Amino acid sequence: MTSRTLAVVAAGGALGSLARYAVGVALPHEPGGFPWGTLVVNVVGSFLLGVLTVLVLSTWSRRPLAQNFLGVGVLGGFTTFSAYSLELRDLLAADRPVLALLYAALTLAAGLGAAALGLSASVAAGRDEAA
């Protein structure tokens, strides 16, 4: 790993983390409440990672700095499995098992669906441009 790669990952991570913080401020939740902010960043991040995957495999295959900046940096700083895990534990600790199960299932289903949608939308957009 070069110092240039570290710099682009760090810069991307700073931007992604700031964006995630902004979503958390815009969508706060009370203890024991549904963590909409974390759900939103993880679902949006999953969609964007699907889009980025298509770009990396096609258009940006020879742009490793852009890949690292956006994938590892921006999206790595934006999405959060650790907050998801902690908020899931908090819901259980607040004696909200049904809400915890809903949050776990919704995060998984929406994240997978968003990633698939990002992949397919990007592939379709690429076909439209080629036509």
N, C-alpha and C. Protein backbone atom coordinates (compact mmCIF):
# COMPACT_ATOMS: atom_id res chain seq x y z
N MET A 1 0.84 -1.17 0.00
CA MET A 1 0.00 0.00 0.00
C MET A 1 0.89 1.24 0.00
N THR A 2 0.59 2.14 -0.91
CA THR A 2 1.40 3.35 -1.04
C THR A 2 0.82 4.48 -0.18
N SER A 3 1.63 5.51 0.01
CA SER A 3 1.15 6.66 0.77
C SER A 3 0.04 7.38 0.02
N ARG A 4 0.07 7.31 -1.28
CA ARG A 4 -0.99 7.91 -2.09
C ARG A 4 -2.32 7.19 -1.87
N THR A 5 -2.27 5.86 -1.82
CA THR A 5 -3.48 5.07 -1.56
C THR A 5 -4.02 5.38 -0.17
N LEU A 6 -3.12 5.43 0.81
CA LEU A 6 -3.56 5.77 2.17
C LEU A 6 -4.21 7.14 2.22
N ALA A 7 -3.67 8.08 1.50
CA ALA A 7 -4.21 9.44 1.49
C ALA A 7 -5.61 9.49 0.88
N VAL A 8 -5.82 8.77 -0.23
CA VAL A 8 -7.15 8.81 -0.85
C VAL A 8 -8.18 8.06 0.00
N VAL A 9 -7.77 6.97 0.64
CA VAL A 9 -8.68 6.25 1.54
C VAL A 9 -9.04 7.13 2.73
N ALA A 10 -8.06 7.80 3.31
CA ALA A 10 -8.31 8.67 4.46
C ALA A 10 -9.22 9.84 4.07
N ALA A 11 -8.96 10.44 2.93
CA ALA A 11 -9.80 11.56 2.48
C ALA A 11 -11.23 11.09 2.22
N GLY A 12 -11.36 9.96 1.57
CA GLY A 12 -12.70 9.41 1.31
C GLY A 12 -13.40 9.04 2.61
N GLY A 13 -12.66 8.44 3.53
CA GLY A 13 -13.24 8.07 4.82
C GLY A 13 -13.72 9.29 5.59
N ALA A 14 -12.97 10.37 5.52
CA ALA A 14 -13.39 11.61 6.20
C ALA A 14 -14.69 12.12 5.60
N LEU A 15 -14.80 12.13 4.29
CA LEU A 15 -16.02 12.61 3.64
C LEU A 15 -17.21 11.69 3.95
N GLY A 16 -16.99 10.38 3.87
CA GLY A 16 -18.06 9.44 4.16
C GLY A 16 -18.53 9.53 5.60
N SER A 17 -17.59 9.69 6.52
CA SER A 17 -17.94 9.81 7.94
C SER A 17 -18.72 11.09 8.22
N LEU A 18 -18.32 12.17 7.57
CA LEU A 18 -19.06 13.43 7.73
C LEU A 18 -20.48 13.31 7.19
N ALA A 19 -20.63 12.63 6.06
CA ALA A 19 -21.97 12.42 5.49
C ALA A 19 -22.82 11.56 6.42
N ARG A 20 -22.22 10.52 6.99
CA ARG A 20 -22.95 9.66 7.92
C ARG A 20 -23.36 10.44 9.16
N TYR A 21 -22.47 11.27 9.67
CA TYR A 21 -22.78 12.10 10.82
C TYR A 21 -23.96 13.02 10.50
N ALA A 22 -23.95 13.62 9.32
CA ALA A 22 -25.03 14.52 8.92
C ALA A 22 -26.37 13.80 8.87
N VAL A 23 -26.38 12.57 8.37
CA VAL A 23 -27.63 11.79 8.34
C VAL A 23 -28.08 11.49 9.77
N GLY A 24 -27.14 11.16 10.65
CA GLY A 24 -27.49 10.90 12.05
C GLY A 24 -28.07 12.12 12.74
N VAL A 25 -27.57 13.28 12.41
CA VAL A 25 -28.11 14.52 12.99
C VAL A 25 -29.50 14.80 12.41
N ALA A 26 -29.66 14.55 11.12
CA ALA A 26 -30.95 14.81 10.47
C ALA A 26 -32.02 13.81 10.90
N LEU A 27 -31.62 12.60 11.25
CA LEU A 27 -32.56 11.54 11.62
C LEU A 27 -32.21 10.95 12.99
N PRO A 28 -32.29 11.75 14.05
CA PRO A 28 -31.93 11.24 15.38
C PRO A 28 -33.01 10.27 15.88
N HIS A 29 -32.64 9.47 16.86
CA HIS A 29 -33.63 8.59 17.48
C HIS A 29 -33.39 8.52 18.99
N GLU A 30 -34.47 8.36 19.70
CA GLU A 30 -34.41 8.22 21.15
C GLU A 30 -33.92 6.82 21.50
N PRO A 31 -33.34 6.61 22.68
CA PRO A 31 -32.97 5.26 23.11
C PRO A 31 -34.21 4.35 23.08
N GLY A 32 -34.05 3.21 22.47
CA GLY A 32 -35.17 2.28 22.32
C GLY A 32 -36.04 2.57 21.12
N GLY A 33 -35.73 3.67 20.39
CA GLY A 33 -36.48 4.02 19.18
C GLY A 33 -35.84 3.42 17.95
N PHE A 34 -36.55 3.46 16.86
CA PHE A 34 -36.03 2.86 15.62
C PHE A 34 -34.91 3.72 15.05
N PRO A 35 -33.75 3.13 14.78
CA PRO A 35 -32.59 3.89 14.28
C PRO A 35 -32.64 4.12 12.76
N TRP A 36 -33.51 5.02 12.35
CA TRP A 36 -33.68 5.29 10.92
C TRP A 36 -32.40 5.77 10.25
N GLY A 37 -31.62 6.59 10.92
CA GLY A 37 -30.40 7.12 10.31
C GLY A 37 -29.44 6.02 9.88
N THR A 38 -29.22 5.05 10.76
CA THR A 38 -28.30 3.96 10.42
C THR A 38 -28.88 3.09 9.31
N LEU A 39 -30.18 2.86 9.36
CA LEU A 39 -30.81 2.08 8.28
C LEU A 39 -30.63 2.81 6.95
N VAL A 40 -30.87 4.10 6.93
CA VAL A 40 -30.74 4.87 5.69
C VAL A 40 -29.31 4.82 5.15
N VAL A 41 -28.31 5.07 5.99
CA VAL A 41 -26.93 5.07 5.47
C VAL A 41 -26.53 3.69 4.97
N ASN A 42 -26.96 2.65 5.64
CA ASN A 42 -26.57 1.31 5.21
C ASN A 42 -27.27 0.89 3.92
N VAL A 43 -28.53 1.27 3.76
CA VAL A 43 -29.24 0.93 2.52
C VAL A 43 -28.73 1.77 1.35
N VAL A 44 -28.57 3.06 1.56
CA VAL A 44 -28.02 3.92 0.50
C VAL A 44 -26.60 3.48 0.15
N GLY A 45 -25.80 3.18 1.17
CA GLY A 45 -24.44 2.71 0.92
C GLY A 45 -24.42 1.40 0.15
N SER A 46 -25.34 0.50 0.42
CA SER A 46 -25.43 -0.76 -0.32
C SER A 46 -25.76 -0.51 -1.78
N PHE A 47 -26.70 0.40 -2.03
CA PHE A 47 -27.04 0.76 -3.41
C PHE A 47 -25.81 1.32 -4.13
N LEU A 48 -25.14 2.26 -3.48
CA LEU A 48 -23.97 2.89 -4.10
C LEU A 48 -22.83 1.90 -4.32
N LEU A 49 -22.68 0.95 -3.42
CA LEU A 49 -21.65 -0.07 -3.62
C LEU A 49 -21.99 -0.95 -4.82
N GLY A 50 -23.28 -1.21 -5.03
CA GLY A 50 -23.69 -1.94 -6.23
C GLY A 50 -23.34 -1.17 -7.49
N VAL A 51 -23.61 0.13 -7.49
CA VAL A 51 -23.26 0.98 -8.63
C VAL A 51 -21.75 0.99 -8.83
N LEU A 52 -21.01 1.17 -7.74
CA LEU A 52 -19.55 1.24 -7.82
C LEU A 52 -18.96 -0.07 -8.35
N THR A 53 -19.54 -1.18 -7.97
CA THR A 53 -19.05 -2.48 -8.44
C THR A 53 -19.09 -2.55 -9.96
N VAL A 54 -20.18 -2.10 -10.56
CA VAL A 54 -20.29 -2.12 -12.02
C VAL A 54 -19.27 -1.16 -12.63
N LEU A 55 -19.11 0.02 -12.04
CA LEU A 55 -18.14 0.98 -12.55
C LEU A 55 -16.72 0.42 -12.49
N VAL A 56 -16.40 -0.23 -11.38
CA VAL A 56 -15.05 -0.79 -11.21
C VAL A 56 -14.80 -1.89 -12.23
N LEU A 57 -15.79 -2.73 -12.47
CA LEU A 57 -15.61 -3.84 -13.39
C LEU A 57 -15.63 -3.41 -14.85
N SER A 58 -16.15 -2.22 -15.13
CA SER A 58 -16.21 -1.78 -16.52
C SER A 58 -15.37 -0.53 -16.73
N THR A 59 -15.92 0.60 -16.42
CA THR A 59 -15.32 1.90 -16.73
C THR A 59 -14.04 2.18 -15.95
N TRP A 60 -14.01 1.85 -14.67
CA TRP A 60 -12.90 2.26 -13.81
C TRP A 60 -11.94 1.13 -13.48
N SER A 61 -11.83 0.14 -14.33
CA SER A 61 -10.98 -1.00 -14.00
C SER A 61 -9.51 -0.61 -13.83
N ARG A 62 -9.10 0.48 -14.43
CA ARG A 62 -7.71 0.92 -14.33
C ARG A 62 -7.55 2.18 -13.49
N ARG A 63 -8.46 2.37 -12.55
CA ARG A 63 -8.41 3.54 -11.67
C ARG A 63 -8.44 3.11 -10.20
N PRO A 64 -7.39 2.49 -9.74
CA PRO A 64 -7.41 1.98 -8.36
C PRO A 64 -7.54 3.07 -7.30
N LEU A 65 -7.04 4.26 -7.55
CA LEU A 65 -7.18 5.33 -6.56
C LEU A 65 -8.65 5.75 -6.43
N ALA A 66 -9.35 5.84 -7.54
CA ALA A 66 -10.78 6.17 -7.49
C ALA A 66 -11.56 5.07 -6.79
N GLN A 67 -11.21 3.82 -7.08
CA GLN A 67 -11.87 2.69 -6.43
C GLN A 67 -11.67 2.74 -4.92
N ASN A 68 -10.44 2.97 -4.49
CA ASN A 68 -10.15 3.02 -3.05
C ASN A 68 -10.76 4.25 -2.39
N PHE A 69 -10.73 5.37 -3.08
CA PHE A 69 -11.33 6.59 -2.53
C PHE A 69 -12.83 6.39 -2.28
N LEU A 70 -13.53 5.89 -3.29
CA LEU A 70 -14.99 5.75 -3.18
C LEU A 70 -15.41 4.51 -2.40
N GLY A 71 -14.83 3.37 -2.71
CA GLY A 71 -15.27 2.12 -2.08
C GLY A 71 -14.83 1.98 -0.64
N VAL A 72 -13.54 1.97 -0.42
CA VAL A 72 -13.01 1.80 0.94
C VAL A 72 -13.18 3.08 1.75
N GLY A 73 -12.89 4.22 1.14
CA GLY A 73 -12.94 5.48 1.85
C GLY A 73 -14.34 6.00 2.08
N VAL A 74 -14.97 6.54 1.04
CA VAL A 74 -16.27 7.19 1.20
C VAL A 74 -17.33 6.22 1.70
N LEU A 75 -17.50 5.09 1.01
CA LEU A 75 -18.56 4.17 1.42
C LEU A 75 -18.21 3.44 2.70
N GLY A 76 -16.93 3.18 2.93
CA GLY A 76 -16.51 2.57 4.20
C GLY A 76 -16.77 3.49 5.38
N GLY A 77 -16.57 4.79 5.18
CA GLY A 77 -16.83 5.76 6.24
C GLY A 77 -18.31 6.06 6.40
N PHE A 78 -19.06 5.91 5.32
CA PHE A 78 -20.49 6.23 5.33
C PHE A 78 -21.32 5.12 5.97
N THR A 79 -21.08 3.89 5.57
CA THR A 79 -21.87 2.78 6.09
C THR A 79 -21.31 2.32 7.43
N THR A 80 -22.13 1.58 8.19
CA THR A 80 -21.68 1.20 9.52
C THR A 80 -22.34 -0.08 10.01
N PHE A 81 -21.56 -1.12 10.12
CA PHE A 81 -22.06 -2.35 10.71
C PHE A 81 -21.98 -2.27 12.23
N SER A 82 -21.00 -1.55 12.74
CA SER A 82 -20.82 -1.46 14.19
C SER A 82 -21.98 -0.72 14.85
N ALA A 83 -22.41 0.39 14.28
CA ALA A 83 -23.56 1.11 14.85
C ALA A 83 -24.82 0.27 14.74
N TYR A 84 -24.98 -0.43 13.61
CA TYR A 84 -26.12 -1.33 13.43
C TYR A 84 -26.14 -2.38 14.55
N SER A 85 -25.00 -2.98 14.81
CA SER A 85 -24.92 -4.01 15.86
C SER A 85 -25.23 -3.43 17.24
N LEU A 86 -24.67 -2.27 17.53
CA LEU A 86 -24.91 -1.64 18.83
C LEU A 86 -26.37 -1.24 18.99
N GLU A 87 -26.96 -0.68 17.95
CA GLU A 87 -28.36 -0.27 18.03
C GLU A 87 -29.30 -1.48 18.15
N LEU A 88 -28.93 -2.56 17.52
CA LEU A 88 -29.69 -3.80 17.67
C LEU A 88 -29.63 -4.28 19.12
N ARG A 89 -28.45 -4.25 19.70
CA ARG A 89 -28.29 -4.62 21.11
C ARG A 89 -29.07 -3.66 22.02
N ASP A 90 -29.05 -2.37 21.69
CA ASP A 90 -29.78 -1.38 22.48
C ASP A 90 -31.29 -1.64 22.45
N LEU A 91 -31.81 -2.00 21.30
CA LEU A 91 -33.24 -2.32 21.19
C LEU A 91 -33.58 -3.53 22.06
N LEU A 92 -32.72 -4.53 22.06
CA LEU A 92 -32.96 -5.70 22.90
C LEU A 92 -32.87 -5.33 24.38
N ALA A 93 -31.89 -4.50 24.73
CA ALA A 93 -31.73 -4.06 26.12
C ALA A 93 -32.91 -3.21 26.58
N ALA A 94 -33.56 -2.50 25.65
CA ALA A 94 -34.73 -1.68 25.98
C ALA A 94 -36.01 -2.51 25.98
N ASP A 95 -35.85 -3.82 25.91
CA ASP A 95 -36.98 -4.76 25.92
C ASP A 95 -37.91 -4.51 24.72
N ARG A 96 -37.28 -4.33 23.55
CA ARG A 96 -38.01 -4.12 22.30
C ARG A 96 -37.64 -5.22 21.31
N PRO A 97 -37.85 -6.50 21.65
CA PRO A 97 -37.40 -7.59 20.78
C PRO A 97 -38.06 -7.61 19.41
N VAL A 98 -39.32 -7.23 19.33
CA VAL A 98 -39.99 -7.23 18.03
C VAL A 98 -39.39 -6.15 17.13
N LEU A 99 -39.16 -4.97 17.70
CA LEU A 99 -38.54 -3.89 16.94
C LEU A 99 -37.11 -4.27 16.54
N ALA A 100 -36.39 -4.94 17.43
CA ALA A 100 -35.03 -5.40 17.12
C ALA A 100 -35.05 -6.39 15.95
N LEU A 101 -35.97 -7.31 15.98
CA LEU A 101 -36.08 -8.29 14.89
C LEU A 101 -36.45 -7.60 13.59
N LEU A 102 -37.39 -6.66 13.65
CA LEU A 102 -37.77 -5.90 12.47
C LEU A 102 -36.57 -5.13 11.91
N TYR A 103 -35.82 -4.49 12.79
CA TYR A 103 -34.63 -3.74 12.37
C TYR A 103 -33.60 -4.65 11.71
N ALA A 104 -33.35 -5.80 12.32
CA ALA A 104 -32.38 -6.75 11.76
C ALA A 104 -32.82 -7.24 10.39
N ALA A 105 -34.08 -7.64 10.29
CA ALA A 105 -34.58 -8.18 9.03
C ALA A 105 -34.66 -7.11 7.95
N LEU A 106 -35.14 -5.93 8.32
CA LEU A 106 -35.28 -4.84 7.35
C LEU A 106 -33.91 -4.39 6.84
N THR A 107 -32.94 -4.30 7.73
CA THR A 107 -31.59 -3.90 7.30
C THR A 107 -31.02 -4.90 6.31
N LEU A 108 -31.15 -6.19 6.61
CA LEU A 108 -30.62 -7.22 5.72
C LEU A 108 -31.35 -7.21 4.37
N ALA A 109 -32.68 -7.24 4.41
CA ALA A 109 -33.45 -7.31 3.16
C ALA A 109 -33.27 -6.04 2.32
N ALA A 110 -33.37 -4.88 2.95
CA ALA A 110 -33.24 -3.62 2.21
C ALA A 110 -31.82 -3.43 1.69
N GLY A 111 -30.82 -3.82 2.47
CA GLY A 111 -29.44 -3.70 2.01
C GLY A 111 -29.14 -4.59 0.82
N LEU A 112 -29.58 -5.84 0.89
CA LEU A 112 -29.37 -6.75 -0.24
C LEU A 112 -30.15 -6.29 -1.46
N GLY A 113 -31.38 -5.85 -1.24
CA GLY A 113 -32.19 -5.35 -2.36
C GLY A 113 -31.59 -4.11 -2.99
N ALA A 114 -31.09 -3.21 -2.17
CA ALA A 114 -30.48 -1.98 -2.67
C ALA A 114 -29.21 -2.28 -3.47
N ALA A 115 -28.40 -3.21 -2.98
CA ALA A 115 -27.18 -3.57 -3.71
C ALA A 115 -27.53 -4.18 -5.06
N ALA A 116 -28.52 -5.07 -5.08
CA ALA A 116 -28.96 -5.69 -6.33
C ALA A 116 -29.51 -4.63 -7.29
N LEU A 117 -30.28 -3.69 -6.76
CA LEU A 117 -30.84 -2.62 -7.58
C LEU A 117 -29.72 -1.74 -8.15
N GLY A 118 -28.72 -1.41 -7.33
CA GLY A 118 -27.59 -0.62 -7.82
C GLY A 118 -26.83 -1.32 -8.92
N LEU A 119 -26.62 -2.63 -8.75
CA LEU A 119 -25.95 -3.41 -9.79
C LEU A 119 -26.75 -3.42 -11.08
N SER A 120 -28.03 -3.78 -10.97
CA SER A 120 -28.84 -3.91 -12.19
C SER A 120 -29.09 -2.57 -12.86
N ALA A 121 -29.31 -1.52 -12.08
CA ALA A 121 -29.52 -0.20 -12.68
C ALA A 121 -28.27 0.28 -13.41
N SER A 122 -27.11 0.01 -12.85
CA SER A 122 -25.86 0.42 -13.49
C SER A 122 -25.60 -0.36 -14.77
N VAL A 123 -25.88 -1.65 -14.72
CA VAL A 123 -25.71 -2.47 -15.93
C VAL A 123 -26.67 -1.99 -17.01
N ALA A 124 -27.92 -1.73 -16.65
CA ALA A 124 -28.91 -1.25 -17.62
C ALA A 124 -28.50 0.13 -18.18
N ALA A 125 -28.02 1.01 -17.32
CA ALA A 125 -27.58 2.33 -17.77
C ALA A 125 -26.42 2.21 -18.77
N GLY A 126 -25.52 1.26 -18.48
CA GLY A 126 -24.39 1.02 -19.39
C GLY A 126 -24.85 0.51 -20.75
N ARG A 127 -25.88 -0.33 -20.75
CA ARG A 127 -26.44 -0.83 -22.01
C ARG A 127 -27.10 0.29 -22.78
N ASP A 128 -27.81 1.17 -22.06
CA ASP A 128 -28.49 2.29 -22.73
C ASP A 128 -27.48 3.22 -23.38
N GLU A 129 -26.35 3.44 -22.70
CA GLU A 129 -25.31 4.32 -23.27
C GLU A 129 -24.67 3.69 -24.50
N ALA A 130 -24.54 2.37 -24.49
CA ALA A 130 -23.91 1.68 -25.61
C ALA A 130 -24.84 1.63 -26.83
N ALA A 131 -26.13 1.73 -26.60
CA ALA A 131 -27.08 1.63 -27.72
C ALA A 131 -27.19 2.89 -28.53
